[in-house]
Amino acid sequence: MTISISAIYTPPLSQNPLLVPSPISKLPRFSPPRSAILCFSSSPPPPPDMDATTGPSLYPLHRSKTLHLVRHAQGIHNVEGEKDHSAYMSYDLFDAHLTPLGWNQVDNLHKHVQACGLSKRVELVITSPLLRTMQTAVGVFGGGAYSDGIDVPPLMVANAGNSNHPAISSLNCPPFIAVELCREHLGVHPCDKRRSVSEYQPLFPAIDFSLIENEDDILWTPDIREKNEDVASRGLKFLNWLWTRKEKEIAIVTHSGFLFHTLSAFGSDCHPSIKSEICTHFANCELRSVIIVDRSLMGSDSSTTNYPGKIPQGPDLPSDIADEKQSEKGASK
């Protein structure tokens, strides 16, 4: 089984799709892929002359998904942590919310996704269930200002999470779901600890929290920080789960550490500049678009654009094949 991600393509995951997020403690440790093409696969690696750095690659469109990866905008923990790294240990930064500058970054990215047409193509928005990521997600991919009387719940109520921001409408927006697998490093830093689901739901009425299994945050612990390799393993499990989704174009709003350690597993089969493009740290409110490819037939979707041809039926033997057959007949006489 193989899945790939890259700026053009890239790689894979575990053998079995993850249908719902599972407790992080049960996730397997991440081990680097052994294949030269970084494709967590039971099949052998391709021969050296098939190295992806030698030129372009082809893959069936219906066996791919487009992912738009976004790091949250500036949060209060980014500001305080830059001044003094020890501030990350402060409970004053619990579930850090966006700064005014962060909201300005959100507004600018919202204008960009509107101008480039991305907002009309995204079929699903997945967000880490922390204030700063949900604020970023609804601000970037949500509708305009919410007005009473509209027959849809708002994505965010006014001033949610000390935002001093007006309510945001869910009108004409894709669905939003919160997924714990794409959270930041777990443990120790209070800024990475989430609130209870029942606290979030009134603030973000149109976000779907049904995939979060526990009301309270049982994944975060005050004395153990999740290891980098475990973040990477969790990220690959998240990408594997993504392939179970029917949507083909998905936006994911998450965190710097999660993105860096997940994406660092990919790109070794590409030109070094593409590897760098994939794996460098994200700036606040940066968006990068990648393609995820199923090389293993894990997905079952059929193409919506392929056409079988030969309708109606009729002779269609290519001339070169006809020449070969004629030559074979002559040689057999």
C-alpha atoms as a PDB file:
ATOM      1  CA  MET A   1       0.000   0.000   0.000  1.00  0.00           C
ATOM      2  CA  THR A   2       1.401   3.355  -0.893  1.00  0.00           C
ATOM      3  CA  ILE A   3       0.423   6.982  -0.734  1.00  0.00           C
ATOM      4  CA  SER A   4       2.578   9.845  -1.899  1.00  0.00           C
ATOM      5  CA  ILE A   5       2.782  13.543  -1.339  1.00  0.00           C
ATOM      6  CA  SER A   6       4.897  16.252  -2.907  1.00  0.00           C
ATOM      7  CA  ALA A   7       4.828  19.609  -4.579  1.00  0.00           C
ATOM      8  CA  ILE A   8       4.240  17.461  -7.619  1.00  0.00           C
ATOM      9  CA  TYR A   9       3.696  14.158  -5.867  1.00  0.00           C
ATOM     10  CA  THR A  10       4.845  12.485  -2.657  1.00  0.00           C
ATOM     11  CA  PRO A  11       4.457   9.343  -0.504  1.00  0.00           C
ATOM     12  CA  PRO A  12       2.610   6.862   1.819  1.00  0.00           C
ATOM     13  CA  LEU A  13       1.327   5.388   5.044  1.00  0.00           C
ATOM     14  CA  SER A  14       0.221   2.408   7.075  1.00  0.00           C
ATOM     15  CA  GLN A  15      -1.470  -0.716   5.761  1.00  0.00           C
ATOM     16  CA  ASN A  16      -4.967  -0.060   7.107  1.00  0.00           C
ATOM     17  CA  PRO A  17      -6.956   3.165   6.680  1.00  0.00           C
ATOM     18  CA  LEU A  18      -7.860   4.881   9.902  1.00  0.00           C
ATOM     19  CA  LEU A  19     -11.603   5.507   9.859  1.00  0.00           C
ATOM     20  CA  VAL A  20     -11.738   7.678  12.972  1.00  0.00           C
ATOM     21  CA  PRO A  21      -9.090   9.359  15.091  1.00  0.00           C
ATOM     22  CA  SER A  22      -7.738   7.047  17.761  1.00  0.00           C
ATOM     23  CA  PRO A  23      -5.989   7.879  21.053  1.00  0.00           C
ATOM     24  CA  ILE A  24      -2.486   9.114  20.359  1.00  0.00           C
ATOM     25  CA  SER A  25      -1.041   6.723  22.945  1.00  0.00           C
ATOM     26  CA  LYS A  26      -2.058   3.800  20.720  1.00  0.00           C
ATOM     27  CA  LEU A  27      -0.308   5.079  17.616  1.00  0.00           C
ATOM     28  CA  PRO A  28       2.776   3.182  16.404  1.00  0.00           C
ATOM     29  CA  ARG A  29       6.191   4.789  16.556  1.00  0.00           C
ATOM     30  CA  PHE A  30       7.275   6.338  13.275  1.00  0.00           C
ATOM     31  CA  SER A  31      10.156   4.644  11.479  1.00  0.00           C
ATOM     32  CA  PRO A  32      11.683   6.110   8.319  1.00  0.00           C
ATOM     33  CA  PRO A  33      10.547   4.426   5.109  1.00  0.00           C
ATOM     34  CA  ARG A  34      13.109   2.086   3.586  1.00  0.00           C
ATOM     35  CA  SER A  35      12.121   2.622  -0.018  1.00  0.00           C
ATOM     36  CA  ALA A  36      14.121   5.085  -2.086  1.00  0.00           C
ATOM     37  CA  ILE A  37      10.856   6.661  -3.179  1.00  0.00           C
ATOM     38  CA  LEU A  38       9.587   7.121   0.371  1.00  0.00           C
ATOM     39  CA  CYS A  39       6.513   5.036  -0.191  1.00  0.00           C
ATOM     40  CA  PHE A  40       5.627   2.941   2.873  1.00  0.00           C
ATOM     41  CA  SER A  41       4.917  -0.010   0.611  1.00  0.00           C
ATOM     42  CA  SER A  42       5.220  -3.754   0.723  1.00  0.00           C
ATOM     43  CA  SER A  43       6.371  -3.704  -2.894  1.00  0.00           C
ATOM     44  CA  PRO A  44      10.100  -3.392  -3.716  1.00  0.00           C
ATOM     45  CA  PRO A  45      11.549   0.032  -4.580  1.00  0.00           C
ATOM     46  CA  PRO A  46      11.743   0.967  -8.258  1.00  0.00           C
ATOM     47  CA  PRO A  47      14.986   0.450 -10.169  1.00  0.00           C
ATOM     48  CA  PRO A  48      17.482   3.360 -10.051  1.00  0.00           C
ATOM     49  CA  ASP A  49      16.665   4.495 -13.593  1.00  0.00           C
ATOM     50  CA  MET A  50      13.087   5.168 -12.480  1.00  0.00           C
ATOM     51  CA  ASP A  51      14.203   7.730  -9.879  1.00  0.00           C
ATOM     52  CA  ALA A  52      11.600  10.534  -9.707  1.00  0.00           C
ATOM     53  CA  THR A  53      14.324  13.182  -9.897  1.00  0.00           C
ATOM     54  CA  THR A  54      15.015  12.250 -13.527  1.00  0.00           C
ATOM     55  CA  GLY A  55      11.878  13.895 -14.863  1.00  0.00           C
ATOM     56  CA  PRO A  56       8.123  14.337 -14.566  1.00  0.00           C
ATOM     57  CA  SER A  57       5.799  11.628 -13.272  1.00  0.00           C
ATOM     58  CA  LEU A  58       2.325  10.540 -14.356  1.00  0.00           C
ATOM     59  CA  TYR A  59      -0.487   9.258 -12.180  1.00  0.00           C
ATOM     60  CA  PRO A  60      -4.249   8.705 -12.678  1.00  0.00           C
ATOM     61  CA  LEU A  61      -6.097  11.816 -11.554  1.00  0.00           C
ATOM     62  CA  HIS A  62      -8.819   9.901  -9.697  1.00  0.00           C
ATOM     63  CA  ARG A  63      -6.188   8.301  -7.429  1.00  0.00           C
ATOM     64  CA  SER A  64      -5.070  11.630  -6.034  1.00  0.00           C
ATOM     65  CA  LYS A  65      -6.314  14.341  -3.693  1.00  0.00           C
ATOM     66  CA  THR A  66      -5.296  17.983  -3.412  1.00  0.00           C
ATOM     67  CA  LEU A  67      -4.448  19.181   0.096  1.00  0.00           C
ATOM     68  CA  HIS A  68      -4.179  22.857   1.032  1.00  0.00           C
ATOM     69  CA  LEU A  69      -2.041  22.978   4.182  1.00  0.00           C
ATOM     70  CA  VAL A  70      -2.287  26.026   6.437  1.00  0.00           C
ATOM     71  CA  ARG A  71      -0.467  26.876   9.643  1.00  0.00           C
ATOM     72  CA  HIS A  72      -2.522  28.949  12.084  1.00  0.00           C
ATOM     73  CA  ALA A  73      -2.008  32.700  12.247  1.00  0.00           C
ATOM     74  CA  GLN A  74       0.008  34.385  15.005  1.00  0.00           C
ATOM     75  CA  GLY A  75      -1.121  33.389  18.487  1.00  0.00           C
ATOM     76  CA  ILE A  76      -0.368  34.993  21.825  1.00  0.00           C
ATOM     77  CA  HIS A  77       2.053  32.135  22.585  1.00  0.00           C
ATOM     78  CA  ASN A  78       4.111  32.984  19.471  1.00  0.00           C
ATOM     79  CA  VAL A  79       4.612  36.516  20.744  1.00  0.00           C
ATOM     80  CA  GLU A  80       5.447  35.579  24.341  1.00  0.00           C
ATOM     81  CA  GLY A  81       7.585  32.597  23.364  1.00  0.00           C
ATOM     82  CA  GLU A  82       9.684  34.746  21.061  1.00  0.00           C
ATOM     83  CA  LYS A  83      10.438  37.091  23.960  1.00  0.00           C
ATOM     84  CA  ASP A  84      11.159  34.292  26.432  1.00  0.00           C
ATOM     85  CA  HIS A  85      11.052  30.606  25.567  1.00  0.00           C
ATOM     86  CA  SER A  86      10.135  29.700  29.138  1.00  0.00           C
ATOM     87  CA  ALA A  87       6.791  31.464  28.563  1.00  0.00           C
ATOM     88  CA  TYR A  88       5.599  28.328  26.759  1.00  0.00           C
ATOM     89  CA  MET A  89       5.321  26.747  30.201  1.00  0.00           C
ATOM     90  CA  SER A  90       2.889  29.410  31.404  1.00  0.00           C
ATOM     91  CA  TYR A  91      -0.754  28.507  31.956  1.00  0.00           C
ATOM     92  CA  ASP A  92      -1.555  32.098  30.989  1.00  0.00           C
ATOM     93  CA  LEU A  93      -1.119  30.826  27.411  1.00  0.00           C
ATOM     94  CA  PHE A  94      -3.514  27.881  27.811  1.00  0.00           C
ATOM     95  CA  ASP A  95      -5.172  27.112  24.449  1.00  0.00           C
ATOM     96  CA  ALA A  96      -3.618  30.239  22.944  1.00  0.00           C
ATOM     97  CA  HIS A  97      -5.863  32.452  20.827  1.00  0.00           C
ATOM     98  CA  LEU A  98      -4.940  34.701  17.910  1.00  0.00           C
ATOM     99  CA  THR A  99      -3.439  38.149  18.351  1.00  0.00           C
ATOM    100  CA  PRO A 100      -4.810  41.221  16.520  1.00  0.00           C
ATOM    101  CA  LEU A 101      -1.914  40.814  14.089  1.00  0.00           C
ATOM    102  CA  GLY A 102      -2.928  37.167  13.683  1.00  0.00           C
ATOM    103  CA  TRP A 103      -6.429  38.214  12.680  1.00  0.00           C
ATOM    104  CA  ASN A 104      -4.922  40.617  10.153  1.00  0.00           C
ATOM    105  CA  GLN A 105      -2.973  37.661   8.705  1.00  0.00           C
ATOM    106  CA  VAL A 106      -6.216  35.671   8.557  1.00  0.00           C
ATOM    107  CA  ASP A 107      -7.988  38.459   6.697  1.00  0.00           C
ATOM    108  CA  ASN A 108      -5.160  38.660   4.138  1.00  0.00           C
ATOM    109  CA  LEU A 109      -5.188  34.907   3.509  1.00  0.00           C
ATOM    110  CA  HIS A 110      -8.993  34.975   3.230  1.00  0.00           C
ATOM    111  CA  LYS A 111      -8.673  37.601   0.477  1.00  0.00           C
ATOM    112  CA  HIS A 112      -6.078  35.439  -1.275  1.00  0.00           C
ATOM    113  CA  VAL A 113      -8.162  32.242  -1.303  1.00  0.00           C
ATOM    114  CA  GLN A 114     -11.113  34.251  -2.602  1.00  0.00           C
ATOM    115  CA  ALA A 115      -9.077  35.957  -5.323  1.00  0.00           C
ATOM    116  CA  CYS A 116      -7.397  32.781  -6.605  1.00  0.00           C
ATOM    117  CA  GLY A 117     -10.655  30.800  -6.596  1.00  0.00           C
ATOM    118  CA  LEU A 118      -9.534  28.328  -3.953  1.00  0.00           C
ATOM    119  CA  SER A 119     -12.519  29.067  -1.740  1.00  0.00           C
ATOM    120  CA  LYS A 120     -14.855  27.694  -4.437  1.00  0.00           C
ATOM    121  CA  ARG A 121     -12.865  24.469  -4.920  1.00  0.00           C
ATOM    122  CA  VAL A 122     -12.342  23.314  -1.336  1.00  0.00           C
ATOM    123  CA  GLU A 123     -14.861  20.595  -0.452  1.00  0.00           C
ATOM    124  CA  LEU A 124     -13.910  20.146   3.204  1.00  0.00           C
ATOM    125  CA  VAL A 125     -12.021  22.080   5.882  1.00  0.00           C
ATOM    126  CA  ILE A 126     -10.281  20.064   8.600  1.00  0.00           C
ATOM    127  CA  THR A 127      -9.025  21.897  11.663  1.00  0.00           C
ATOM    128  CA  SER A 128      -7.070  21.012  14.754  1.00  0.00           C
ATOM    129  CA  PRO A 129      -9.420  21.515  17.746  1.00  0.00           C
ATOM    130  CA  LEU A 130      -7.571  24.399  19.382  1.00  0.00           C
ATOM    131  CA  LEU A 131      -8.676  28.009  19.506  1.00  0.00           C
ATOM    132  CA  ARG A 132      -5.972  29.418  17.253  1.00  0.00           C
ATOM    133  CA  THR A 133      -6.492  26.836  14.496  1.00  0.00           C
ATOM    134  CA  MET A 134     -10.285  27.038  14.555  1.00  0.00           C
ATOM    135  CA  GLN A 135     -10.170  30.840  14.521  1.00  0.00           C
ATOM    136  CA  THR A 136      -7.810  30.676  11.538  1.00  0.00           C
ATOM    137  CA  ALA A 137      -9.864  28.044   9.716  1.00  0.00           C
ATOM    138  CA  VAL A 138     -13.193  29.873   9.951  1.00  0.00           C
ATOM    139  CA  GLY A 139     -11.595  33.236   9.222  1.00  0.00           C
ATOM    140  CA  VAL A 140      -9.814  32.010   6.084  1.00  0.00           C
ATOM    141  CA  PHE A 141     -12.375  29.598   4.607  1.00  0.00           C
ATOM    142  CA  GLY A 142     -15.602  30.880   6.170  1.00  0.00           C
ATOM    143  CA  GLY A 143     -18.172  33.251   4.762  1.00  0.00           C
ATOM    144  CA  GLY A 144     -18.603  36.921   5.479  1.00  0.00           C
ATOM    145  CA  ALA A 145     -19.943  38.576   8.588  1.00  0.00           C
ATOM    146  CA  TYR A 146     -22.808  36.707  10.206  1.00  0.00           C
ATOM    147  CA  SER A 147     -26.216  38.349  10.496  1.00  0.00           C
ATOM    148  CA  ASP A 148     -29.111  37.320  12.705  1.00  0.00           C
ATOM    149  CA  GLY A 149     -31.961  35.780  10.786  1.00  0.00           C
ATOM    150  CA  ILE A 150     -29.763  33.739   8.448  1.00  0.00           C
ATOM    151  CA  ASP A 151     -31.011  30.163   8.501  1.00  0.00           C
ATOM    152  CA  VAL A 152     -27.593  28.593   9.134  1.00  0.00           C
ATOM    153  CA  PRO A 153     -25.502  28.538  12.334  1.00  0.00           C
ATOM    154  CA  PRO A 154     -22.419  30.759  12.425  1.00  0.00           C
ATOM    155  CA  LEU A 155     -18.998  29.196  12.080  1.00  0.00           C
ATOM    156  CA  MET A 156     -17.882  31.412  14.951  1.00  0.00           C
ATOM    157  CA  VAL A 157     -19.837  33.615  17.331  1.00  0.00           C
ATOM    158  CA  ALA A 158     -18.734  37.171  18.027  1.00  0.00           C
ATOM    159  CA  ASN A 159     -15.664  37.566  20.241  1.00  0.00           C
ATOM    160  CA  ALA A 160     -15.026  33.817  20.414  1.00  0.00           C
ATOM    161  CA  GLY A 161     -11.834  33.141  22.334  1.00  0.00           C
ATOM    162  CA  ASN A 162     -11.183  36.796  23.217  1.00  0.00           C
ATOM    163  CA  SER A 163     -10.989  37.570  19.519  1.00  0.00           C
ATOM    164  CA  ASN A 164     -12.811  40.888  19.506  1.00  0.00           C
ATOM    165  CA  HIS A 165     -13.930  39.703  16.065  1.00  0.00           C
ATOM    166  CA  PRO A 166     -17.473  39.744  14.666  1.00  0.00           C
ATOM    167  CA  ALA A 167     -19.318  36.484  14.084  1.00  0.00           C
ATOM    168  CA  ILE A 168     -18.447  34.568  10.906  1.00  0.00           C
ATOM    169  CA  SER A 169     -21.123  33.045   8.672  1.00  0.00           C
ATOM    170  CA  SER A 170     -21.188  29.439   7.451  1.00  0.00           C
ATOM    171  CA  LEU A 171     -23.356  30.386   4.467  1.00  0.00           C
ATOM    172  CA  ASN A 172     -22.111  28.893   1.164  1.00  0.00           C
ATOM    173  CA  CYS A 173     -19.086  27.336   2.902  1.00  0.00           C
ATOM    174  CA  PRO A 174     -17.740  23.785   2.824  1.00  0.00           C
ATOM    175  CA  PRO A 175     -18.238  21.641   5.948  1.00  0.00           C
ATOM    176  CA  PHE A 176     -15.744  22.105   8.796  1.00  0.00           C
ATOM    177  CA  ILE A 177     -14.656  19.216  11.032  1.00  0.00           C
ATOM    178  CA  ALA A 178     -12.298  19.120  14.020  1.00  0.00           C
ATOM    179  CA  VAL A 179      -9.779  16.255  14.065  1.00  0.00           C
ATOM    180  CA  GLU A 180      -7.395  15.518  16.943  1.00  0.00           C
ATOM    181  CA  LEU A 181      -4.821  13.682  14.823  1.00  0.00           C
ATOM    182  CA  CYS A 182      -3.593  16.995  13.381  1.00  0.00           C
ATOM    183  CA  ARG A 183      -2.963  18.692  16.722  1.00  0.00           C
ATOM    184  CA  GLU A 184       0.380  20.217  17.685  1.00  0.00           C
ATOM    185  CA  HIS A 185       3.001  18.420  19.818  1.00  0.00           C
ATOM    186  CA  LEU A 186       1.171  17.051  22.854  1.00  0.00           C
ATOM    187  CA  GLY A 187       2.117  17.706  26.454  1.00  0.00           C
ATOM    188  CA  VAL A 188       3.987  20.138  28.728  1.00  0.00           C
ATOM    189  CA  HIS A 189       3.136  23.406  26.916  1.00  0.00           C
ATOM    190  CA  PRO A 190      -0.283  24.678  28.098  1.00  0.00           C
ATOM    191  CA  CYS A 191      -0.756  26.568  24.816  1.00  0.00           C
ATOM    192  CA  ASP A 192      -1.188  23.146  23.160  1.00  0.00           C
ATOM    193  CA  LYS A 193      -3.840  21.875  25.558  1.00  0.00           C
ATOM    194  CA  ARG A 194      -7.437  22.036  24.338  1.00  0.00           C
ATOM    195  CA  ARG A 195     -10.627  22.906  26.167  1.00  0.00           C
ATOM    196  CA  SER A 196     -13.569  20.556  26.522  1.00  0.00           C
ATOM    197  CA  VAL A 197     -15.717  19.948  23.468  1.00  0.00           C
ATOM    198  CA  SER A 198     -18.738  21.430  25.255  1.00  0.00           C
ATOM    199  CA  GLU A 199     -16.809  24.693  25.701  1.00  0.00           C
ATOM    200  CA  TYR A 200     -15.965  24.901  22.005  1.00  0.00           C
ATOM    201  CA  GLN A 201     -19.345  24.019  20.553  1.00  0.00           C
ATOM    202  CA  PRO A 202     -21.137  27.249  21.553  1.00  0.00           C
ATOM    203  CA  LEU A 203     -18.211  29.287  20.179  1.00  0.00           C
ATOM    204  CA  PHE A 204     -18.035  27.449  16.844  1.00  0.00           C
ATOM    205  CA  PRO A 205     -21.593  26.187  16.223  1.00  0.00           C
ATOM    206  CA  ALA A 206     -21.045  25.067  12.613  1.00  0.00           C
ATOM    207  CA  ILE A 207     -17.856  23.070  13.239  1.00  0.00           C
ATOM    208  CA  ASP A 208     -18.451  19.319  13.508  1.00  0.00           C
ATOM    209  CA  PHE A 209     -16.810  17.905  16.664  1.00  0.00           C
ATOM    210  CA  SER A 210     -18.261  14.399  16.319  1.00  0.00           C
ATOM    211  CA  LEU A 211     -14.908  12.778  15.490  1.00  0.00           C
ATOM    212  CA  ILE A 212     -13.435  13.845  18.833  1.00  0.00           C
ATOM    213  CA  GLU A 213     -13.885  10.828  21.073  1.00  0.00           C
ATOM    214  CA  ASN A 214     -13.399  12.429  24.482  1.00  0.00           C
ATOM    215  CA  GLU A 215     -15.091  15.455  26.011  1.00  0.00           C
ATOM    216  CA  ASP A 216     -11.929  16.499  27.845  1.00  0.00           C
ATOM    217  CA  ASP A 217      -8.346  16.524  26.623  1.00  0.00           C
ATOM    218  CA  ILE A 218      -6.908  13.164  27.694  1.00  0.00           C
ATOM    219  CA  LEU A 219      -4.027  13.332  25.197  1.00  0.00           C
ATOM    220  CA  TRP A 220      -2.167  16.264  26.758  1.00  0.00           C
ATOM    221  CA  THR A 221      -0.075  15.612  29.885  1.00  0.00           C
ATOM    222  CA  PRO A 222       1.761  18.226  31.963  1.00  0.00           C
ATOM    223  CA  ASP A 223       5.041  16.319  32.314  1.00  0.00           C
ATOM    224  CA  ILE A 224       5.674  14.416  29.037  1.00  0.00           C
ATOM    225  CA  ARG A 225       6.239  16.139  25.696  1.00  0.00           C
ATOM    226  CA  GLU A 226       5.398  14.053  22.635  1.00  0.00           C
ATOM    227  CA  LYS A 227       8.522  12.955  20.750  1.00  0.00           C
ATOM    228  CA  ASN A 228       9.171  14.215  17.232  1.00  0.00           C
ATOM    229  CA  GLU A 229       9.000  10.720  15.766  1.00  0.00           C
ATOM    230  CA  ASP A 230       5.623  10.184  17.415  1.00  0.00           C
ATOM    231  CA  VAL A 231       4.313  13.413  15.877  1.00  0.00           C
ATOM    232  CA  ALA A 232       5.522  12.153  12.484  1.00  0.00           C
ATOM    233  CA  SER A 233       3.833   8.785  13.026  1.00  0.00           C
ATOM    234  CA  ARG A 234       0.603  10.520  14.006  1.00  0.00           C
ATOM    235  CA  GLY A 235       0.855  12.716  10.908  1.00  0.00           C
ATOM    236  CA  LEU A 236       1.170   9.707   8.635  1.00  0.00           C
ATOM    237  CA  LYS A 237      -1.822   8.123  10.336  1.00  0.00           C
ATOM    238  CA  PHE A 238      -3.733  11.343   9.694  1.00  0.00           C
ATOM    239  CA  LEU A 239      -2.811  11.282   5.981  1.00  0.00           C
ATOM    240  CA  ASN A 240      -3.851   7.647   5.799  1.00  0.00           C
ATOM    241  CA  TRP A 241      -7.210   8.535   7.322  1.00  0.00           C
ATOM    242  CA  LEU A 242      -7.609  11.375   4.813  1.00  0.00           C
ATOM    243  CA  TRP A 243      -7.646   8.827   2.027  1.00  0.00           C
ATOM    244  CA  THR A 244     -10.866   7.367   3.457  1.00  0.00           C
ATOM    245  CA  ARG A 245     -12.622  10.678   2.807  1.00  0.00           C
ATOM    246  CA  LYS A 246     -14.647  11.062  -0.374  1.00  0.00           C
ATOM    247  CA  GLU A 247     -13.606  14.707  -0.846  1.00  0.00           C
ATOM    248  CA  LYS A 248     -10.907  15.352  -3.445  1.00  0.00           C
ATOM    249  CA  GLU A 249      -9.841  18.875  -2.444  1.00  0.00           C
ATOM    250  CA  ILE A 250      -9.341  19.448   1.277  1.00  0.00           C
ATOM    251  CA  ALA A 251      -8.018  22.345   3.364  1.00  0.00           C
ATOM    252  CA  ILE A 252      -6.215  21.467   6.609  1.00  0.00           C
ATOM    253  CA  VAL A 253      -5.524  24.102   9.265  1.00  0.00           C
ATOM    254  CA  THR A 254      -2.964  22.886  11.762  1.00  0.00           C
ATOM    255  CA  HIS A 255       0.364  23.683  13.469  1.00  0.00           C
ATOM    256  CA  SER A 256       4.025  24.289  12.642  1.00  0.00           C
ATOM    257  CA  GLY A 257       5.484  21.291  14.486  1.00  0.00           C
ATOM    258  CA  PHE A 258       2.847  18.898  13.175  1.00  0.00           C
ATOM    259  CA  LEU A 259       3.405  20.019   9.589  1.00  0.00           C
ATOM    260  CA  PHE A 260       7.200  19.991   9.809  1.00  0.00           C
ATOM    261  CA  HIS A 261       7.573  16.530  11.307  1.00  0.00           C
ATOM    262  CA  THR A 262       4.873  15.005   9.095  1.00  0.00           C
ATOM    263  CA  LEU A 263       6.125  16.466   5.829  1.00  0.00           C
ATOM    264  CA  SER A 264       9.793  15.771   6.584  1.00  0.00           C
ATOM    265  CA  ALA A 265       9.071  12.116   5.780  1.00  0.00           C
ATOM    266  CA  PHE A 266       8.426  13.131   2.175  1.00  0.00           C
ATOM    267  CA  GLY A 267      10.248  14.613  -0.787  1.00  0.00           C
ATOM    268  CA  SER A 268      13.370  12.417  -0.843  1.00  0.00           C
ATOM    269  CA  ASP A 269      12.303  11.208  -4.292  1.00  0.00           C
ATOM    270  CA  CYS A 270      12.240  14.773  -5.617  1.00  0.00           C
ATOM    271  CA  HIS A 271      14.729  17.437  -6.636  1.00  0.00           C
ATOM    272  CA  PRO A 272      16.333  18.967  -3.502  1.00  0.00           C
ATOM    273  CA  SER A 273      14.610  22.290  -4.094  1.00  0.00           C
ATOM    274  CA  ILE A 274      11.225  20.527  -4.051  1.00  0.00           C
ATOM    275  CA  LYS A 275      12.193  18.641  -0.888  1.00  0.00           C
ATOM    276  CA  SER A 276      12.960  22.021   0.673  1.00  0.00           C
ATOM    277  CA  GLU A 277       9.670  23.461  -0.556  1.00  0.00           C
ATOM    278  CA  ILE A 278       7.780  20.616   1.085  1.00  0.00           C
ATOM    279  CA  CYS A 279       9.645  20.333   4.372  1.00  0.00           C
ATOM    280  CA  THR A 280      10.674  23.803   5.563  1.00  0.00           C
ATOM    281  CA  HIS A 281       8.868  25.289   8.561  1.00  0.00           C
ATOM    282  CA  PHE A 282       5.625  27.151   7.827  1.00  0.00           C
ATOM    283  CA  ALA A 283       5.258  30.841   8.635  1.00  0.00           C
ATOM    284  CA  ASN A 284       2.161  31.978  10.518  1.00  0.00           C
ATOM    285  CA  CYS A 285      -0.868  31.765   8.204  1.00  0.00           C
ATOM    286  CA  GLU A 286       1.178  30.316   5.343  1.00  0.00           C
ATOM    287  CA  LEU A 287      -0.642  28.114   2.822  1.00  0.00           C
ATOM    288  CA  ARG A 288       1.004  25.416   0.703  1.00  0.00           C
ATOM    289  CA  SER A 289      -0.845  23.143  -1.708  1.00  0.00           C
ATOM    290  CA  VAL A 290       0.290  19.552  -2.324  1.00  0.00           C
ATOM    291  CA  ILE A 291      -1.061  16.432  -4.002  1.00  0.00           C
ATOM    292  CA  ILE A 292      -1.502  13.138  -2.198  1.00  0.00           C
ATOM    293  CA  VAL A 293      -1.342  10.069  -4.438  1.00  0.00           C
ATOM    294  CA  ASP A 294      -2.632   6.538  -3.810  1.00  0.00           C
ATOM    295  CA  ARG A 295      -0.155   4.070  -5.332  1.00  0.00           C
ATOM    296  CA  SER A 296      -1.666   1.049  -3.603  1.00  0.00           C
ATOM    297  CA  LEU A 297      -5.302   0.912  -4.763  1.00  0.00           C
ATOM    298  CA  MET A 298      -6.302   1.701  -1.171  1.00  0.00           C
ATOM    299  CA  GLY A 299      -8.906   4.111  -2.519  1.00  0.00           C
ATOM    300  CA  SER A 300     -11.866   2.682  -4.407  1.00  0.00           C
ATOM    301  CA  ASP A 301     -13.065   5.779  -6.249  1.00  0.00           C
ATOM    302  CA  SER A 302     -13.513   5.527  -9.988  1.00  0.00           C
ATOM    303  CA  SER A 303     -12.702   8.342 -12.371  1.00  0.00           C
ATOM    304  CA  THR A 304     -15.354  10.949 -13.114  1.00  0.00           C
ATOM    305  CA  THR A 305     -13.535  12.157 -16.259  1.00  0.00           C
ATOM    306  CA  ASN A 306     -12.125   9.006 -17.904  1.00  0.00           C
ATOM    307  CA  TYR A 307     -14.133   7.671 -20.888  1.00  0.00           C
ATOM    308  CA  PRO A 308     -13.926   4.060 -22.095  1.00  0.00           C
ATOM    309  CA  GLY A 309     -13.845   4.760 -25.854  1.00  0.00           C
ATOM    310  CA  LYS A 310     -14.863   2.280 -28.573  1.00  0.00           C
ATOM    311  CA  ILE A 311     -18.503   3.403 -28.295  1.00  0.00           C
ATOM    312  CA  PRO A 312     -20.051   2.389 -30.629  1.00  0.00           C
ATOM    313  CA  GLN A 313     -17.942  -0.722 -31.270  1.00  0.00           C
ATOM    314  CA  GLY A 314     -15.817  -0.892 -34.414  1.00  0.00           C
ATOM    315  CA  PRO A 315     -12.369  -1.884 -35.727  1.00  0.00           C
ATOM    316  CA  ASP A 316      -9.692   0.114 -33.909  1.00  0.00           C
ATOM    317  CA  LEU A 317      -6.429  -1.831 -34.166  1.00  0.00           C
ATOM    318  CA  PRO A 318      -3.533   0.673 -34.108  1.00  0.00           C
ATOM    319  CA  SER A 319      -1.458   0.575 -37.281  1.00  0.00           C
ATOM    320  CA  ASP A 320       1.764  -0.349 -35.505  1.00  0.00           C
ATOM    321  CA  ILE A 321       0.069  -3.314 -33.807  1.00  0.00           C
ATOM    322  CA  ALA A 322      -1.402  -4.344 -37.172  1.00  0.00           C
ATOM    323  CA  ASP A 323       2.094  -4.210 -38.697  1.00  0.00           C
ATOM    324  CA  GLU A 324       3.444  -6.404 -35.889  1.00  0.00           C
ATOM    325  CA  LYS A 325       0.675  -8.974 -36.396  1.00  0.00           C
ATOM    326  CA  GLN A 326       1.295  -9.039 -40.136  1.00  0.00           C
ATOM    327  CA  SER A 327       5.002  -9.584 -39.552  1.00  0.00           C
ATOM    328  CA  GLU A 328       4.251 -12.447 -37.159  1.00  0.00           C
ATOM    329  CA  LYS A 329       2.001 -14.093 -39.774  1.00  0.00           C
ATOM    330  CA  GLY A 330       4.742 -13.807 -42.387  1.00  0.00           C
ATOM    331  CA  ALA A 331       7.365 -15.292 -40.062  1.00  0.00           C
ATOM    332  CA  SER A 332       5.137 -18.284 -39.228  1.00  0.00           C
ATOM    333  CA  LYS A 333       4.721 -19.344 -42.880  1.00  0.00           C
END
